[in-house]
Amino acid sequence: MASSSMSSRGSGSWTAKQNKDFERALAVYDKDTPDRWYNVAKAVGGKTAEEVKRHYELLVADVKYIESGQVPFPY
């Protein structure tokens, strides 16, 4: 669910490379970093600060959904 919901909810499609760059940028630019989303967008390439912020918000929502137990464990 995570990857399909993230790519279909208004942020446009994200390549595997952009997702990997996004993950790396989040590790570098934490919540206390000034202009965090601008810096993350610059690291990702091809996305605006608003797009990467929305991508992050969707990721957080997906994690909360999974942690709530509403996603069945794959067997």
N, C-alpha and C. Protein backbone atom coordinates (compact mmCIF):
# COMPACT_ATOMS: atom_id res chain seq x y z
N MET A 1 0.80 -1.19 0.00
CA MET A 1 0.00 0.00 0.00
C MET A 1 0.85 1.26 0.00
N ALA A 2 1.92 1.27 0.69
CA ALA A 2 2.72 2.48 0.86
C ALA A 2 3.14 3.08 -0.47
N SER A 3 3.76 2.29 -1.33
CA SER A 3 4.27 2.87 -2.56
C SER A 3 3.16 3.30 -3.50
N SER A 4 2.08 2.52 -3.59
CA SER A 4 1.01 2.91 -4.49
C SER A 4 0.28 4.14 -3.99
N SER A 5 0.06 4.26 -2.69
CA SER A 5 -0.65 5.43 -2.19
C SER A 5 0.21 6.67 -2.32
N MET A 6 1.49 6.54 -2.14
CA MET A 6 2.36 7.71 -2.24
C MET A 6 2.43 8.21 -3.67
N SER A 7 2.43 7.32 -4.63
CA SER A 7 2.58 7.77 -6.01
C SER A 7 1.28 8.25 -6.61
N SER A 8 0.15 7.93 -6.00
CA SER A 8 -1.12 8.27 -6.64
C SER A 8 -1.89 9.39 -5.96
N ARG A 9 -1.37 9.98 -4.93
CA ARG A 9 -2.12 10.98 -4.20
C ARG A 9 -1.66 12.41 -4.45
N GLY A 10 -1.28 12.75 -5.63
CA GLY A 10 -1.04 14.14 -5.94
C GLY A 10 0.41 14.56 -6.01
N SER A 11 1.34 13.71 -5.67
CA SER A 11 2.75 14.09 -5.75
C SER A 11 3.36 13.64 -7.06
N GLY A 12 2.56 13.10 -7.95
CA GLY A 12 3.11 12.56 -9.18
C GLY A 12 3.85 11.28 -8.88
N SER A 13 4.39 10.66 -9.91
CA SER A 13 5.10 9.42 -9.68
C SER A 13 6.53 9.70 -9.21
N TRP A 14 7.02 8.80 -8.42
CA TRP A 14 8.38 8.89 -7.87
C TRP A 14 9.16 7.68 -8.36
N THR A 15 10.35 7.92 -8.86
CA THR A 15 11.21 6.82 -9.30
C THR A 15 11.84 6.16 -8.07
N ALA A 16 12.36 4.97 -8.28
CA ALA A 16 13.07 4.28 -7.19
C ALA A 16 14.25 5.12 -6.71
N LYS A 17 14.95 5.76 -7.64
CA LYS A 17 16.08 6.61 -7.27
C LYS A 17 15.63 7.81 -6.44
N GLN A 18 14.53 8.44 -6.85
CA GLN A 18 14.02 9.58 -6.07
C GLN A 18 13.62 9.14 -4.67
N ASN A 19 13.00 7.98 -4.54
CA ASN A 19 12.63 7.49 -3.21
C ASN A 19 13.86 7.22 -2.36
N LYS A 20 14.89 6.63 -2.95
CA LYS A 20 16.12 6.37 -2.20
C LYS A 20 16.79 7.68 -1.81
N ASP A 21 16.85 8.64 -2.73
CA ASP A 21 17.42 9.95 -2.42
C ASP A 21 16.61 10.66 -1.34
N PHE A 22 15.29 10.49 -1.39
CA PHE A 22 14.40 11.05 -0.37
C PHE A 22 14.73 10.48 1.01
N GLU A 23 14.88 9.17 1.09
CA GLU A 23 15.22 8.52 2.36
C GLU A 23 16.56 9.03 2.90
N ARG A 24 17.53 9.12 2.02
CA ARG A 24 18.85 9.61 2.44
C ARG A 24 18.77 11.06 2.92
N ALA A 25 18.03 11.88 2.19
CA ALA A 25 17.90 13.29 2.56
C ALA A 25 17.20 13.45 3.91
N LEU A 26 16.21 12.60 4.19
CA LEU A 26 15.54 12.67 5.49
C LEU A 26 16.51 12.37 6.63
N ALA A 27 17.46 11.49 6.37
CA ALA A 27 18.46 11.16 7.39
C ALA A 27 19.42 12.33 7.62
N VAL A 28 19.65 13.12 6.59
CA VAL A 28 20.57 14.26 6.69
C VAL A 28 19.87 15.49 7.25
N TYR A 29 18.67 15.76 6.75
CA TYR A 29 17.94 16.98 7.13
C TYR A 29 16.80 16.61 8.07
N ASP A 30 17.07 16.67 9.38
CA ASP A 30 16.05 16.30 10.35
C ASP A 30 15.05 17.43 10.55
N LYS A 31 14.08 17.20 11.46
CA LYS A 31 12.98 18.15 11.64
C LYS A 31 13.43 19.52 12.11
N ASP A 32 14.62 19.63 12.66
CA ASP A 32 15.12 20.91 13.15
C ASP A 32 15.95 21.68 12.11
N THR A 33 16.11 21.11 10.94
CA THR A 33 16.90 21.75 9.89
C THR A 33 16.12 22.91 9.27
N PRO A 34 16.70 24.11 9.25
CA PRO A 34 16.03 25.22 8.56
C PRO A 34 15.87 24.89 7.07
N ASP A 35 14.75 25.25 6.51
CA ASP A 35 14.46 24.98 5.09
C ASP A 35 14.58 23.50 4.76
N ARG A 36 14.13 22.66 5.69
CA ARG A 36 14.25 21.21 5.52
C ARG A 36 13.69 20.74 4.18
N TRP A 37 12.48 21.12 3.85
CA TRP A 37 11.84 20.57 2.65
C TRP A 37 12.49 21.09 1.38
N TYR A 38 12.98 22.30 1.41
CA TYR A 38 13.73 22.84 0.26
C TYR A 38 14.99 21.99 0.05
N ASN A 39 15.70 21.70 1.14
CA ASN A 39 16.93 20.90 1.05
C ASN A 39 16.65 19.47 0.60
N VAL A 40 15.57 18.88 1.12
CA VAL A 40 15.21 17.53 0.70
C VAL A 40 14.86 17.53 -0.79
N ALA A 41 14.08 18.51 -1.22
CA ALA A 41 13.70 18.59 -2.64
C ALA A 41 14.93 18.74 -3.53
N LYS A 42 15.87 19.54 -3.09
CA LYS A 42 17.11 19.74 -3.86
C LYS A 42 17.88 18.42 -3.97
N ALA A 43 17.91 17.65 -2.88
CA ALA A 43 18.62 16.37 -2.88
C ALA A 43 17.91 15.34 -3.76
N VAL A 44 16.59 15.38 -3.79
CA VAL A 44 15.81 14.42 -4.57
C VAL A 44 15.89 14.75 -6.06
N GLY A 45 15.72 16.00 -6.39
CA GLY A 45 15.72 16.41 -7.79
C GLY A 45 14.38 16.16 -8.46
N GLY A 46 13.88 17.15 -9.18
CA GLY A 46 12.64 16.99 -9.92
C GLY A 46 11.38 17.12 -9.09
N LYS A 47 11.51 17.49 -7.83
CA LYS A 47 10.36 17.66 -6.94
C LYS A 47 10.47 19.00 -6.23
N THR A 48 9.31 19.58 -5.91
CA THR A 48 9.30 20.83 -5.16
C THR A 48 9.33 20.54 -3.67
N ALA A 49 9.57 21.57 -2.89
CA ALA A 49 9.55 21.43 -1.43
C ALA A 49 8.17 20.95 -0.97
N GLU A 50 7.12 21.46 -1.58
CA GLU A 50 5.76 21.04 -1.22
C GLU A 50 5.53 19.57 -1.56
N GLU A 51 6.04 19.12 -2.69
CA GLU A 51 5.88 17.71 -3.08
C GLU A 51 6.60 16.77 -2.12
N VAL A 52 7.82 17.12 -1.71
CA VAL A 52 8.53 16.22 -0.80
C VAL A 52 7.91 16.25 0.59
N LYS A 53 7.38 17.40 0.99
CA LYS A 53 6.70 17.47 2.30
C LYS A 53 5.45 16.58 2.27
N ARG A 54 4.69 16.63 1.19
CA ARG A 54 3.49 15.79 1.06
C ARG A 54 3.88 14.31 1.01
N HIS A 55 4.95 14.00 0.33
CA HIS A 55 5.44 12.62 0.26
C HIS A 55 5.77 12.11 1.67
N TYR A 56 6.39 12.96 2.46
CA TYR A 56 6.72 12.61 3.84
C TYR A 56 5.44 12.40 4.66
N GLU A 57 4.48 13.30 4.50
CA GLU A 57 3.22 13.18 5.25
C GLU A 57 2.51 11.88 4.92
N LEU A 58 2.53 11.47 3.65
CA LEU A 58 1.92 10.21 3.25
C LEU A 58 2.68 9.02 3.83
N LEU A 59 3.99 9.13 3.87
CA LEU A 59 4.81 8.08 4.47
C LEU A 59 4.47 7.91 5.95
N VAL A 60 4.38 9.02 6.66
CA VAL A 60 4.04 8.97 8.09
C VAL A 60 2.65 8.35 8.27
N ALA A 61 1.69 8.74 7.44
CA ALA A 61 0.34 8.18 7.53
C ALA A 61 0.36 6.68 7.27
N ASP A 62 1.12 6.24 6.28
CA ASP A 62 1.22 4.81 5.98
C ASP A 62 1.83 4.04 7.15
N VAL A 63 2.87 4.59 7.75
CA VAL A 63 3.52 3.93 8.89
C VAL A 63 2.54 3.82 10.06
N LYS A 64 1.81 4.89 10.33
CA LYS A 64 0.81 4.85 11.42
C LYS A 64 -0.26 3.81 11.14
N TYR A 65 -0.68 3.72 9.90
CA TYR A 65 -1.69 2.74 9.50
C TYR A 65 -1.18 1.32 9.72
N ILE A 66 0.04 1.08 9.32
CA ILE A 66 0.65 -0.24 9.50
C ILE A 66 0.81 -0.56 10.98
N GLU A 67 1.33 0.40 11.75
CA GLU A 67 1.55 0.18 13.18
C GLU A 67 0.25 0.01 13.96
N SER A 68 -0.85 0.50 13.43
CA SER A 68 -2.14 0.37 14.12
C SER A 68 -2.68 -1.05 14.03
N GLY A 69 -2.05 -1.88 13.20
CA GLY A 69 -2.49 -3.25 13.04
C GLY A 69 -3.56 -3.43 11.99
N GLN A 70 -3.86 -2.39 11.23
CA GLN A 70 -4.91 -2.47 10.22
C GLN A 70 -4.43 -3.10 8.92
N VAL A 71 -3.14 -3.32 8.80
CA VAL A 71 -2.59 -3.97 7.62
C VAL A 71 -2.22 -5.39 8.02
N PRO A 72 -2.82 -6.40 7.38
CA PRO A 72 -2.50 -7.78 7.76
C PRO A 72 -1.05 -8.13 7.46
N PHE A 73 -0.48 -8.92 8.33
CA PHE A 73 0.89 -9.39 8.14
C PHE A 73 0.92 -10.36 6.97
N PRO A 74 1.82 -10.16 6.02
CA PRO A 74 1.89 -11.07 4.86
C PRO A 74 2.45 -12.43 5.28
N TYR A 75 1.83 -13.49 4.81
CA TYR A 75 2.28 -14.84 5.15
C TYR A 75 3.01 -15.48 4.02
